[in-house]
Amino acid sequence: MSEWSRTAEHGFGKPGTWKVHIPTSGSGPQHQGILQNFSDAIRKGTKLMAPAAEGIHSVELANAMLQSSFEERQVEFPLDGDAYARLLKEKIDASTFEKKETTDAIASDFDNA
C-alpha cells in the first residue's frame, strides 16, 4: 500500500487485483453472534467460539502489518515482540503529537441510547 501510494501516477487509481476463492461452509454469526456467545460462555458455560488464545493472532497480524509498513520490509511470524516494542518506542519518542486535554467533557450514558 505504501509503495502504491508513493508511485501511483493518478490520484484515484487502484492497483491490480485478482479473485481467490476460499471454500467455506456457512457465513458465521459475525460480531453480534460472537458477543452473544461470549455472554453465554459467562452465564451458561457455553464453549467460546473465539477464545482469547486465538484472538491474539489477530493482534499479531495487525502489529506485523504496522511493522512491515514502517520498516518497508517483510516480517516473519511469529513476530519478534522485542523488536516490535523497540519500534513502537522509537515512534513514541519521535512523535510530535500533542494531546489536547478537555475539562468540559460529559460522560455518555449508554443505558439510555
PDB file of N, CA and C in Angstrom:
ATOM      1  N   MET A   1       0.821  -1.175   0.000  1.00  0.00           N
ATOM      2  CA  MET A   1       0.000   0.000   0.000  1.00  0.00           C
ATOM      3  C   MET A   1       0.873   1.249   0.000  1.00  0.00           C
ATOM      4  N   SER A   2       1.900   1.234   0.827  1.00  0.00           N
ATOM      5  CA  SER A   2       2.779   2.405   0.883  1.00  0.00           C
ATOM      6  C   SER A   2       3.462   2.643  -0.461  1.00  0.00           C
ATOM      7  N   GLU A   3       3.949   1.570  -1.070  1.00  0.00           N
ATOM      8  CA  GLU A   3       4.612   1.680  -2.381  1.00  0.00           C
ATOM      9  C   GLU A   3       3.632   2.208  -3.423  1.00  0.00           C
ATOM     10  N   TRP A   4       2.413   1.673  -3.450  1.00  0.00           N
ATOM     11  CA  TRP A   4       1.399   2.123  -4.415  1.00  0.00           C
ATOM     12  C   TRP A   4       1.129   3.612  -4.233  1.00  0.00           C
ATOM     13  N   SER A   5       0.947   4.045  -2.995  1.00  0.00           N
ATOM     14  CA  SER A   5       0.648   5.451  -2.731  1.00  0.00           C
ATOM     15  C   SER A   5       1.777   6.364  -3.191  1.00  0.00           C
ATOM     16  N   ARG A   6       3.015   5.923  -3.029  1.00  0.00           N
ATOM     17  CA  ARG A   6       4.170   6.739  -3.425  1.00  0.00           C
ATOM     18  C   ARG A   6       4.345   6.815  -4.939  1.00  0.00           C
ATOM     19  N   THR A   7       4.003   5.733  -5.643  1.00  0.00           N
ATOM     20  CA  THR A   7       4.343   5.666  -7.067  1.00  0.00           C
ATOM     21  C   THR A   7       3.158   5.758  -8.021  1.00  0.00           C
ATOM     22  N   ALA A   8       1.943   5.810  -7.495  1.00  0.00           N
ATOM     23  CA  ALA A   8       0.764   5.859  -8.373  1.00  0.00           C
ATOM     24  C   ALA A   8       0.800   7.106  -9.240  1.00  0.00           C
ATOM     25  N   GLU A   9       0.492   6.937 -10.517  1.00  0.00           N
ATOM     26  CA  GLU A   9       0.528   8.060 -11.451  1.00  0.00           C
ATOM     27  C   GLU A   9      -0.757   8.878 -11.422  1.00  0.00           C
ATOM     28  N   HIS A  10      -1.836   8.308 -10.888  1.00  0.00           N
ATOM     29  CA  HIS A  10      -3.124   9.000 -10.832  1.00  0.00           C
ATOM     30  C   HIS A  10      -3.647   8.955  -9.402  1.00  0.00           C
ATOM     31  N   GLY A  11      -4.186  10.054  -8.935  1.00  0.00           N
ATOM     32  CA  GLY A  11      -4.669  10.153  -7.562  1.00  0.00           C
ATOM     33  C   GLY A  11      -5.751   9.163  -7.184  1.00  0.00           C
ATOM     34  N   PHE A  12      -6.606   8.777  -8.150  1.00  0.00           N
ATOM     35  CA  PHE A  12      -7.689   7.872  -7.821  1.00  0.00           C
ATOM     36  C   PHE A  12      -7.529   6.522  -8.509  1.00  0.00           C
ATOM     37  N   GLY A  13      -6.312   6.182  -8.886  1.00  0.00           N
ATOM     38  CA  GLY A  13      -6.055   4.884  -9.488  1.00  0.00           C
ATOM     39  C   GLY A  13      -6.131   3.788  -8.440  1.00  0.00           C
ATOM     40  N   LYS A  14      -6.078   2.565  -8.897  1.00  0.00           N
ATOM     41  CA  LYS A  14      -6.058   1.451  -7.957  1.00  0.00           C
ATOM     42  C   LYS A  14      -5.172   0.345  -8.513  1.00  0.00           C
ATOM     43  N   PRO A  15      -4.497  -0.359  -7.626  1.00  0.00           N
ATOM     44  CA  PRO A  15      -3.618  -1.435  -8.092  1.00  0.00           C
ATOM     45  C   PRO A  15      -4.422  -2.593  -8.647  1.00  0.00           C
ATOM     46  N   GLY A  16      -3.767  -3.426  -9.427  1.00  0.00           N
ATOM     47  CA  GLY A  16      -4.432  -4.601  -9.968  1.00  0.00           C
ATOM     48  C   GLY A  16      -4.853  -5.556  -8.859  1.00  0.00           C
ATOM     49  N   THR A  17      -5.929  -6.256  -9.085  1.00  0.00           N
ATOM     50  CA  THR A  17      -6.425  -7.225  -8.103  1.00  0.00           C
ATOM     51  C   THR A  17      -6.742  -8.535  -8.800  1.00  0.00           C
ATOM     52  N   TRP A  18      -6.952  -9.555  -8.040  1.00  0.00           N
ATOM     53  CA  TRP A  18      -7.404 -10.840  -8.563  1.00  0.00           C
ATOM     54  C   TRP A  18      -8.272 -11.491  -7.507  1.00  0.00           C
ATOM     55  N   LYS A  19      -9.134 -12.391  -7.939  1.00  0.00           N
ATOM     56  CA  LYS A  19     -10.034 -13.070  -7.012  1.00  0.00           C
ATOM     57  C   LYS A  19      -9.449 -14.412  -6.624  1.00  0.00           C
ATOM     58  N   VAL A  20      -9.573 -14.716  -5.363  1.00  0.00           N
ATOM     59  CA  VAL A  20      -9.159 -16.008  -4.840  1.00  0.00           C
ATOM     60  C   VAL A  20     -10.374 -16.599  -4.149  1.00  0.00           C
ATOM     61  N   HIS A  21     -10.773 -17.783  -4.570  1.00  0.00           N
ATOM     62  CA  HIS A  21     -11.930 -18.438  -3.955  1.00  0.00           C
ATOM     63  C   HIS A  21     -11.444 -19.348  -2.838  1.00  0.00           C
ATOM     64  N   ILE A  22     -11.918 -19.095  -1.631  1.00  0.00           N
ATOM     65  CA  ILE A  22     -11.594 -19.935  -0.485  1.00  0.00           C
ATOM     66  C   ILE A  22     -12.898 -20.579  -0.036  1.00  0.00           C
ATOM     67  N   PRO A  23     -13.011 -21.884  -0.242  1.00  0.00           N
ATOM     68  CA  PRO A  23     -14.275 -22.542   0.127  1.00  0.00           C
ATOM     69  C   PRO A  23     -14.509 -22.509   1.636  1.00  0.00           C
ATOM     70  N   THR A  24     -15.719 -22.167   2.020  1.00  0.00           N
ATOM     71  CA  THR A  24     -16.107 -22.152   3.427  1.00  0.00           C
ATOM     72  C   THR A  24     -17.467 -22.814   3.560  1.00  0.00           C
ATOM     73  N   SER A  25     -17.808 -23.162   4.759  1.00  0.00           N
ATOM     74  CA  SER A  25     -19.146 -23.709   4.997  1.00  0.00           C
ATOM     75  C   SER A  25     -19.884 -22.739   5.905  1.00  0.00           C
ATOM     76  N   GLY A  26     -20.865 -22.055   5.371  1.00  0.00           N
ATOM     77  CA  GLY A  26     -21.632 -21.092   6.146  1.00  0.00           C
ATOM     78  C   GLY A  26     -20.956 -19.744   6.219  1.00  0.00           C
ATOM     79  N   SER A  27     -21.614 -18.820   6.903  1.00  0.00           N
ATOM     80  CA  SER A  27     -21.076 -17.470   6.988  1.00  0.00           C
ATOM     81  C   SER A  27     -20.723 -17.066   8.407  1.00  0.00           C
ATOM     82  N   GLY A  28     -21.089 -17.832   9.385  1.00  0.00           N
ATOM     83  CA  GLY A  28     -20.764 -17.492  10.766  1.00  0.00           C
ATOM     84  C   GLY A  28     -21.672 -16.423  11.310  1.00  0.00           C
ATOM     85  N   PRO A  29     -21.661 -16.249  12.616  1.00  0.00           N
ATOM     86  CA  PRO A  29     -22.597 -15.326  13.254  1.00  0.00           C
ATOM     87  C   PRO A  29     -22.160 -13.865  13.280  1.00  0.00           C
ATOM     88  N   GLN A  30     -20.952 -13.571  12.820  1.00  0.00           N
ATOM     89  CA  GLN A  30     -20.426 -12.211  12.811  1.00  0.00           C
ATOM     90  C   GLN A  30     -20.335 -11.638  14.227  1.00  0.00           C
ATOM     91  N   HIS A  31     -20.199 -10.331  14.374  1.00  0.00           N
ATOM     92  CA  HIS A  31     -19.931  -9.704  15.673  1.00  0.00           C
ATOM     93  C   HIS A  31     -21.038  -9.972  16.700  1.00  0.00           C
ATOM     94  N   GLN A  32     -22.285  -9.812  16.292  1.00  0.00           N
ATOM     95  CA  GLN A  32     -23.383  -9.998  17.242  1.00  0.00           C
ATOM     96  C   GLN A  32     -23.381 -11.417  17.803  1.00  0.00           C
ATOM     97  N   GLY A  33     -23.151 -12.387  16.949  1.00  0.00           N
ATOM     98  CA  GLY A  33     -23.111 -13.770  17.404  1.00  0.00           C
ATOM     99  C   GLY A  33     -21.933 -14.063  18.313  1.00  0.00           C
ATOM    100  N   ILE A  34     -20.785 -13.466  18.006  1.00  0.00           N
ATOM    101  CA  ILE A  34     -19.596 -13.653  18.845  1.00  0.00           C
ATOM    102  C   ILE A  34     -19.841 -13.055  20.227  1.00  0.00           C
ATOM    103  N   LEU A  35     -20.430 -11.861  20.274  1.00  0.00           N
ATOM    104  CA  LEU A  35     -20.731 -11.237  21.564  1.00  0.00           C
ATOM    105  C   LEU A  35     -21.761 -12.038  22.348  1.00  0.00           C
ATOM    106  N   GLN A  36     -22.771 -12.570  21.655  1.00  0.00           N
ATOM    107  CA  GLN A  36     -23.772 -13.401  22.329  1.00  0.00           C
ATOM    108  C   GLN A  36     -23.117 -14.657  22.884  1.00  0.00           C
ATOM    109  N   ASN A  37     -22.226 -15.272  22.095  1.00  0.00           N
ATOM    110  CA  ASN A  37     -21.506 -16.459  22.552  1.00  0.00           C
ATOM    111  C   ASN A  37     -20.662 -16.144  23.783  1.00  0.00           C
ATOM    112  N   PHE A  38     -20.008 -14.976  23.797  1.00  0.00           N
ATOM    113  CA  PHE A  38     -19.195 -14.568  24.944  1.00  0.00           C
ATOM    114  C   PHE A  38     -20.070 -14.455  26.191  1.00  0.00           C
ATOM    115  N   SER A  39     -21.229 -13.812  26.027  1.00  0.00           N
ATOM    116  CA  SER A  39     -22.168 -13.675  27.135  1.00  0.00           C
ATOM    117  C   SER A  39     -22.650 -15.048  27.611  1.00  0.00           C
ATOM    118  N   ASP A  40     -22.972 -15.928  26.675  1.00  0.00           N
ATOM    119  CA  ASP A  40     -23.431 -17.279  27.032  1.00  0.00           C
ATOM    120  C   ASP A  40     -22.329 -18.078  27.727  1.00  0.00           C
ATOM    121  N   ALA A  41     -21.082 -17.847  27.348  1.00  0.00           N
ATOM    122  CA  ALA A  41     -19.970 -18.549  27.997  1.00  0.00           C
ATOM    123  C   ALA A  41     -19.859 -18.138  29.462  1.00  0.00           C
ATOM    124  N   ILE A  42     -20.082 -16.862  29.739  1.00  0.00           N
ATOM    125  CA  ILE A  42     -20.030 -16.377  31.115  1.00  0.00           C
ATOM    126  C   ILE A  42     -21.225 -16.890  31.912  1.00  0.00           C
ATOM    127  N   ARG A  43     -22.407 -16.745  31.336  1.00  0.00           N
ATOM    128  CA  ARG A  43     -23.635 -17.076  32.063  1.00  0.00           C
ATOM    129  C   ARG A  43     -23.934 -18.568  32.119  1.00  0.00           C
ATOM    130  N   LYS A  44     -23.632 -19.294  31.031  1.00  0.00           N
ATOM    131  CA  LYS A  44     -24.070 -20.688  30.929  1.00  0.00           C
ATOM    132  C   LYS A  44     -22.933 -21.690  30.777  1.00  0.00           C
ATOM    133  N   GLY A  45     -21.705 -21.194  30.649  1.00  0.00           N
ATOM    134  CA  GLY A  45     -20.580 -22.101  30.462  1.00  0.00           C
ATOM    135  C   GLY A  45     -20.447 -22.626  29.043  1.00  0.00           C
ATOM    136  N   THR A  46     -21.104 -21.968  28.083  1.00  0.00           N
ATOM    137  CA  THR A  46     -21.021 -22.362  26.681  1.00  0.00           C
ATOM    138  C   THR A  46     -19.575 -22.244  26.191  1.00  0.00           C
ATOM    139  N   LYS A  47     -19.152 -23.170  25.338  1.00  0.00           N
ATOM    140  CA  LYS A  47     -17.793 -23.127  24.789  1.00  0.00           C
ATOM    141  C   LYS A  47     -17.637 -21.888  23.902  1.00  0.00           C
ATOM    142  N   LEU A  48     -16.515 -21.171  24.083  1.00  0.00           N
ATOM    143  CA  LEU A  48     -16.258 -19.962  23.292  1.00  0.00           C
ATOM    144  C   LEU A  48     -15.968 -20.303  21.835  1.00  0.00           C
ATOM    145  N   MET A  49     -16.557 -19.527  20.932  1.00  0.00           N
ATOM    146  CA  MET A  49     -16.278 -19.671  19.503  1.00  0.00           C
ATOM    147  C   MET A  49     -14.955 -19.007  19.142  1.00  0.00           C
ATOM    148  N   ALA A  50     -14.600 -17.955  19.867  1.00  0.00           N
ATOM    149  CA  ALA A  50     -13.389 -17.185  19.577  1.00  0.00           C
ATOM    150  C   ALA A  50     -12.637 -16.941  20.885  1.00  0.00           C
ATOM    151  N   PRO A  51     -11.937 -17.959  21.392  1.00  0.00           N
ATOM    152  CA  PRO A  51     -11.210 -17.772  22.652  1.00  0.00           C
ATOM    153  C   PRO A  51     -10.040 -16.804  22.495  1.00  0.00           C
ATOM    154  N   ALA A  52      -9.643 -16.200  23.608  1.00  0.00           N
ATOM    155  CA  ALA A  52      -8.572 -15.200  23.591  1.00  0.00           C
ATOM    156  C   ALA A  52      -7.286 -15.744  22.990  1.00  0.00           C
ATOM    157  N   ALA A  53      -7.014 -17.015  23.215  1.00  0.00           N
ATOM    158  CA  ALA A  53      -5.783 -17.607  22.666  1.00  0.00           C
ATOM    159  C   ALA A  53      -5.762 -17.503  21.146  1.00  0.00           C
ATOM    160  N   GLU A  54      -6.912 -17.503  20.507  1.00  0.00           N
ATOM    161  CA  GLU A  54      -6.982 -17.335  19.055  1.00  0.00           C
ATOM    162  C   GLU A  54      -6.991 -15.853  18.674  1.00  0.00           C
ATOM    163  N   GLY A  55      -7.620 -15.022  19.486  1.00  0.00           N
ATOM    164  CA  GLY A  55      -7.717 -13.598  19.195  1.00  0.00           C
ATOM    165  C   GLY A  55      -6.371 -12.906  19.153  1.00  0.00           C
ATOM    166  N   ILE A  56      -5.421 -13.414  19.913  1.00  0.00           N
ATOM    167  CA  ILE A  56      -4.099 -12.784  19.945  1.00  0.00           C
ATOM    168  C   ILE A  56      -3.432 -12.848  18.569  1.00  0.00           C
ATOM    169  N   HIS A  57      -3.828 -13.824  17.758  1.00  0.00           N
ATOM    170  CA  HIS A  57      -3.255 -13.923  16.410  1.00  0.00           C
ATOM    171  C   HIS A  57      -3.661 -12.722  15.547  1.00  0.00           C
ATOM    172  N   SER A  58      -4.879 -12.218  15.764  1.00  0.00           N
ATOM    173  CA  SER A  58      -5.318 -11.027  15.029  1.00  0.00           C
ATOM    174  C   SER A  58      -4.480  -9.818  15.418  1.00  0.00           C
ATOM    175  N   VAL A  59      -4.165  -9.713  16.702  1.00  0.00           N
ATOM    176  CA  VAL A  59      -3.329  -8.610  17.179  1.00  0.00           C
ATOM    177  C   VAL A  59      -1.934  -8.735  16.571  1.00  0.00           C
ATOM    178  N   GLU A  60      -1.390  -9.955  16.553  1.00  0.00           N
ATOM    179  CA  GLU A  60      -0.057 -10.156  15.983  1.00  0.00           C
ATOM    180  C   GLU A  60      -0.043  -9.802  14.497  1.00  0.00           C
ATOM    181  N   LEU A  61      -1.101 -10.161  13.776  1.00  0.00           N
ATOM    182  CA  LEU A  61      -1.174  -9.832  12.356  1.00  0.00           C
ATOM    183  C   LEU A  61      -1.220  -8.318  12.156  1.00  0.00           C
ATOM    184  N   ALA A  62      -2.017  -7.621  12.951  1.00  0.00           N
ATOM    185  CA  ALA A  62      -2.095  -6.165  12.839  1.00  0.00           C
ATOM    186  C   ALA A  62      -0.738  -5.526  13.159  1.00  0.00           C
ATOM    187  N   ASN A  63      -0.075  -6.018  14.205  1.00  0.00           N
ATOM    188  CA  ASN A  63       1.243  -5.495  14.558  1.00  0.00           C
ATOM    189  C   ASN A  63       2.248  -5.753  13.439  1.00  0.00           C
ATOM    190  N   ALA A  64       2.168  -6.923  12.817  1.00  0.00           N
ATOM    191  CA  ALA A  64       3.081  -7.251  11.716  1.00  0.00           C
ATOM    192  C   ALA A  64       2.860  -6.317  10.529  1.00  0.00           C
ATOM    193  N   MET A  65       1.608  -6.000  10.240  1.00  0.00           N
ATOM    194  CA  MET A  65       1.323  -5.077   9.136  1.00  0.00           C
ATOM    195  C   MET A  65       1.913  -3.701   9.421  1.00  0.00           C
ATOM    196  N   LEU A  66       1.773  -3.232  10.656  1.00  0.00           N
ATOM    197  CA  LEU A  66       2.354  -1.935  11.018  1.00  0.00           C
ATOM    198  C   LEU A  66       3.870  -1.971  10.905  1.00  0.00           C
ATOM    199  N   GLN A  67       4.491  -2.993  11.488  1.00  0.00           N
ATOM    200  CA  GLN A  67       5.950  -3.073  11.455  1.00  0.00           C
ATOM    201  C   GLN A  67       6.452  -3.167  10.016  1.00  0.00           C
ATOM    202  N   SER A  68       5.807  -3.985   9.218  1.00  0.00           N
ATOM    203  CA  SER A  68       6.211  -4.139   7.826  1.00  0.00           C
ATOM    204  C   SER A  68       6.113  -2.809   7.080  1.00  0.00           C
ATOM    205  N   SER A  69       5.048  -2.082   7.332  1.00  0.00           N
ATOM    206  CA  SER A  69       4.853  -0.795   6.661  1.00  0.00           C
ATOM    207  C   SER A  69       5.880   0.231   7.134  1.00  0.00           C
ATOM    208  N   PHE A  70       6.086   0.325   8.442  1.00  0.00           N
ATOM    209  CA  PHE A  70       7.050   1.287   8.980  1.00  0.00           C
ATOM    210  C   PHE A  70       8.464   1.013   8.478  1.00  0.00           C
ATOM    211  N   GLU A  71       8.846  -0.254   8.451  1.00  0.00           N
ATOM    212  CA  GLU A  71      10.220  -0.610   8.095  1.00  0.00           C
ATOM    213  C   GLU A  71      10.385  -0.934   6.614  1.00  0.00           C
ATOM    214  N   GLU A  72       9.276  -0.899   5.867  1.00  0.00           N
ATOM    215  CA  GLU A  72       9.264  -1.167   4.427  1.00  0.00           C
ATOM    216  C   GLU A  72       9.978  -2.467   4.085  1.00  0.00           C
ATOM    217  N   ARG A  73       9.582  -3.527   4.783  1.00  0.00           N
ATOM    218  CA  ARG A  73      10.158  -4.848   4.541  1.00  0.00           C
ATOM    219  C   ARG A  73       9.176  -5.915   4.999  1.00  0.00           C
ATOM    220  N   GLN A  74       9.399  -7.132   4.563  1.00  0.00           N
ATOM    221  CA  GLN A  74       8.601  -8.252   5.042  1.00  0.00           C
ATOM    222  C   GLN A  74       9.045  -8.609   6.449  1.00  0.00           C
ATOM    223  N   VAL A  75       8.112  -9.064   7.255  1.00  0.00           N
ATOM    224  CA  VAL A  75       8.436  -9.536   8.598  1.00  0.00           C
ATOM    225  C   VAL A  75       8.041 -11.007   8.702  1.00  0.00           C
ATOM    226  N   GLU A  76       8.640 -11.693   9.633  1.00  0.00           N
ATOM    227  CA  GLU A  76       8.408 -13.116   9.818  1.00  0.00           C
ATOM    228  C   GLU A  76       7.492 -13.357  11.016  1.00  0.00           C
ATOM    229  N   PHE A  77       6.784 -14.472  10.962  1.00  0.00           N
ATOM    230  CA  PHE A  77       5.979 -14.931  12.098  1.00  0.00           C
ATOM    231  C   PHE A  77       6.676 -16.111  12.749  1.00  0.00           C
ATOM    232  N   PRO A  78       6.619 -16.260  14.056  1.00  0.00           N
ATOM    233  CA  PRO A  78       5.981 -15.320  14.966  1.00  0.00           C
ATOM    234  C   PRO A  78       6.757 -14.004  15.014  1.00  0.00           C
ATOM    235  N   LEU A  79       6.021 -12.929  15.231  1.00  0.00           N
ATOM    236  CA  LEU A  79       6.612 -11.603  15.264  1.00  0.00           C
ATOM    237  C   LEU A  79       7.573 -11.486  16.441  1.00  0.00           C
ATOM    238  N   ASP A  80       8.687 -10.824  16.233  1.00  0.00           N
ATOM    239  CA  ASP A  80       9.662 -10.588  17.299  1.00  0.00           C
ATOM    240  C   ASP A  80       9.121  -9.473  18.195  1.00  0.00           C
ATOM    241  N   GLY A  81       8.572  -9.846  19.337  1.00  0.00           N
ATOM    242  CA  GLY A  81       7.938  -8.884  20.237  1.00  0.00           C
ATOM    243  C   GLY A  81       8.881  -7.805  20.726  1.00  0.00           C
ATOM    244  N   ASP A  82      10.131  -8.184  21.000  1.00  0.00           N
ATOM    245  CA  ASP A  82      11.105  -7.186  21.468  1.00  0.00           C
ATOM    246  C   ASP A  82      11.406  -6.156  20.382  1.00  0.00           C
ATOM    247  N   ALA A  83      11.564  -6.623  19.147  1.00  0.00           N
ATOM    248  CA  ALA A  83      11.838  -5.702  18.034  1.00  0.00           C
ATOM    249  C   ALA A  83      10.643  -4.780  17.801  1.00  0.00           C
ATOM    250  N   TYR A  84       9.420  -5.334  17.914  1.00  0.00           N
ATOM    251  CA  TYR A  84       8.225  -4.516  17.725  1.00  0.00           C
ATOM    252  C   TYR A  84       8.116  -3.472  18.841  1.00  0.00           C
ATOM    253  N   ALA A  85       8.426  -3.856  20.068  1.00  0.00           N
ATOM    254  CA  ALA A  85       8.383  -2.912  21.195  1.00  0.00           C
ATOM    255  C   ALA A  85       9.400  -1.788  20.995  1.00  0.00           C
ATOM    256  N   ARG A  86      10.589  -2.131  20.503  1.00  0.00           N
ATOM    257  CA  ARG A  86      11.603  -1.096  20.236  1.00  0.00           C
ATOM    258  C   ARG A  86      11.106  -0.137  19.158  1.00  0.00           C
ATOM    259  N   LEU A  87      10.474  -0.682  18.107  1.00  0.00           N
ATOM    260  CA  LEU A  87       9.937   0.159  17.037  1.00  0.00           C
ATOM    261  C   LEU A  87       8.893   1.122  17.588  1.00  0.00           C
ATOM    262  N   LEU A  88       7.977   0.616  18.410  1.00  0.00           N
ATOM    263  CA  LEU A  88       6.955   1.490  18.988  1.00  0.00           C
ATOM    264  C   LEU A  88       7.585   2.574  19.861  1.00  0.00           C
ATOM    265  N   LYS A  89       8.590   2.204  20.646  1.00  0.00           N
ATOM    266  CA  LYS A  89       9.267   3.199  21.493  1.00  0.00           C
ATOM    267  C   LYS A  89       9.907   4.280  20.633  1.00  0.00           C
ATOM    268  N   GLU A  90      10.553   3.883  19.527  1.00  0.00           N
ATOM    269  CA  GLU A  90      11.147   4.869  18.617  1.00  0.00           C
ATOM    270  C   GLU A  90      10.075   5.816  18.067  1.00  0.00           C
ATOM    271  N   LYS A  91       8.937   5.251  17.673  1.00  0.00           N
ATOM    272  CA  LYS A  91       7.843   6.068  17.134  1.00  0.00           C
ATOM    273  C   LYS A  91       7.309   7.024  18.187  1.00  0.00           C
ATOM    274  N   ILE A  92       7.156   6.532  19.414  1.00  0.00           N
ATOM    275  CA  ILE A  92       6.656   7.374  20.505  1.00  0.00           C
ATOM    276  C   ILE A  92       7.656   8.485  20.805  1.00  0.00           C
ATOM    277  N   ASP A  93       8.922   8.145  20.897  1.00  0.00           N
ATOM    278  CA  ASP A  93       9.957   9.145  21.210  1.00  0.00           C
ATOM    279  C   ASP A  93      10.063  10.217  20.127  1.00  0.00           C
ATOM    280  N   ALA A  94       9.809   9.856  18.874  1.00  0.00           N
ATOM    281  CA  ALA A  94       9.921  10.803  17.763  1.00  0.00           C
ATOM    282  C   ALA A  94       8.614  11.560  17.499  1.00  0.00           C
ATOM    283  N   SER A  95       7.562  11.184  18.190  1.00  0.00           N
ATOM    284  CA  SER A  95       6.250  11.784  17.939  1.00  0.00           C
ATOM    285  C   SER A  95       6.207  13.245  18.369  1.00  0.00           C
ATOM    286  N   THR A  96       5.536  14.052  17.567  1.00  0.00           N
ATOM    287  CA  THR A  96       5.331  15.457  17.910  1.00  0.00           C
ATOM    288  C   THR A  96       3.864  15.731  18.241  1.00  0.00           C
ATOM    289  N   PHE A  97       3.062  14.664  18.310  1.00  0.00           N
ATOM    290  CA  PHE A  97       1.640  14.802  18.615  1.00  0.00           C
ATOM    291  C   PHE A  97       1.454  15.349  20.016  1.00  0.00           C
ATOM    292  N   GLU A  98       0.562  16.325  20.152  1.00  0.00           N
ATOM    293  CA  GLU A  98       0.247  16.877  21.457  1.00  0.00           C
ATOM    294  C   GLU A  98      -1.226  16.644  21.736  1.00  0.00           C
ATOM    295  N   LYS A  99      -1.489  15.868  22.765  1.00  0.00           N
ATOM    296  CA  LYS A  99      -2.859  15.571  23.143  1.00  0.00           C
ATOM    297  C   LYS A  99      -3.462  16.782  23.831  1.00  0.00           C
ATOM    298  N   LYS A 100      -4.634  17.194  23.358  1.00  0.00           N
ATOM    299  CA  LYS A 100      -5.316  18.333  23.956  1.00  0.00           C
ATOM    300  C   LYS A 100      -6.226  17.823  25.073  1.00  0.00           C
ATOM    301  N   GLU A 101      -6.052  18.387  26.233  1.00  0.00           N
ATOM    302  CA  GLU A 101      -6.875  17.993  27.367  1.00  0.00           C
ATOM    303  C   GLU A 101      -8.146  18.820  27.378  1.00  0.00           C
ATOM    304  N   THR A 102      -9.250  18.155  27.698  1.00  0.00           N
ATOM    305  CA  THR A 102     -10.523  18.857  27.823  1.00  0.00           C
ATOM    306  C   THR A 102     -11.030  18.668  29.244  1.00  0.00           C
ATOM    307  N   THR A 103     -11.617  19.703  29.750  1.00  0.00           N
ATOM    308  CA  THR A 103     -12.159  19.628  31.112  1.00  0.00           C
ATOM    309  C   THR A 103     -13.678  19.693  31.114  1.00  0.00           C
ATOM    310  N   ASP A 104     -14.274  19.976  29.962  1.00  0.00           N
ATOM    311  CA  ASP A 104     -15.722  20.118  29.912  1.00  0.00           C
ATOM    312  C   ASP A 104     -16.416  18.917  29.278  1.00  0.00           C
ATOM    313  N   ALA A 105     -15.741  17.777  29.221  1.00  0.00           N
ATOM    314  CA  ALA A 105     -16.334  16.585  28.623  1.00  0.00           C
ATOM    315  C   ALA A 105     -17.437  16.045  29.519  1.00  0.00           C
ATOM    316  N   ILE A 106     -18.472  15.524  28.881  1.00  0.00           N
ATOM    317  CA  ILE A 106     -19.593  14.936  29.602  1.00  0.00           C
ATOM    318  C   ILE A 106     -19.594  13.440  29.315  1.00  0.00           C
ATOM    319  N   ALA A 107     -19.665  12.662  30.364  1.00  0.00           N
ATOM    320  CA  ALA A 107     -19.704  11.207  30.198  1.00  0.00           C
ATOM    321  C   ALA A 107     -21.010  10.797  29.554  1.00  0.00           C
ATOM    322  N   SER A 108     -20.945   9.908  28.596  1.00  0.00           N
ATOM    323  CA  SER A 108     -22.143   9.425  27.925  1.00  0.00           C
ATOM    324  C   SER A 108     -22.843   8.380  28.780  1.00  0.00           C
ATOM    325  N   ASP A 109     -24.159   8.377  28.739  1.00  0.00           N
ATOM    326  CA  ASP A 109     -24.951   7.367  29.433  1.00  0.00           C
ATOM    327  C   ASP A 109     -25.477   6.401  28.382  1.00  0.00           C
ATOM    328  N   PHE A 110     -24.801   5.270  28.234  1.00  0.00           N
ATOM    329  CA  PHE A 110     -25.171   4.329  27.195  1.00  0.00           C
ATOM    330  C   PHE A 110     -26.426   3.538  27.558  1.00  0.00           C
ATOM    331  N   ASP A 111     -26.869   3.617  28.807  1.00  0.00           N
ATOM    332  CA  ASP A 111     -28.100   2.918  29.186  1.00  0.00           C
ATOM    333  C   ASP A 111     -29.321   3.536  28.507  1.00  0.00           C
ATOM    334  N   ASN A 112     -29.231   4.804  28.149  1.00  0.00           N
ATOM    335  CA  ASN A 112     -30.357   5.497  27.529  1.00  0.00           C
ATOM    336  C   ASN A 112     -30.217   5.637  26.023  1.00  0.00           C
ATOM    337  N   ALA A 113     -29.269   4.923  25.438  1.00  0.00           N
ATOM    338  CA  ALA A 113     -29.034   5.047  23.990  1.00  0.00           C
ATOM    339  C   ALA A 113     -30.144   4.366  23.214  1.00  0.00           C
TER     340      ALA A 113
END
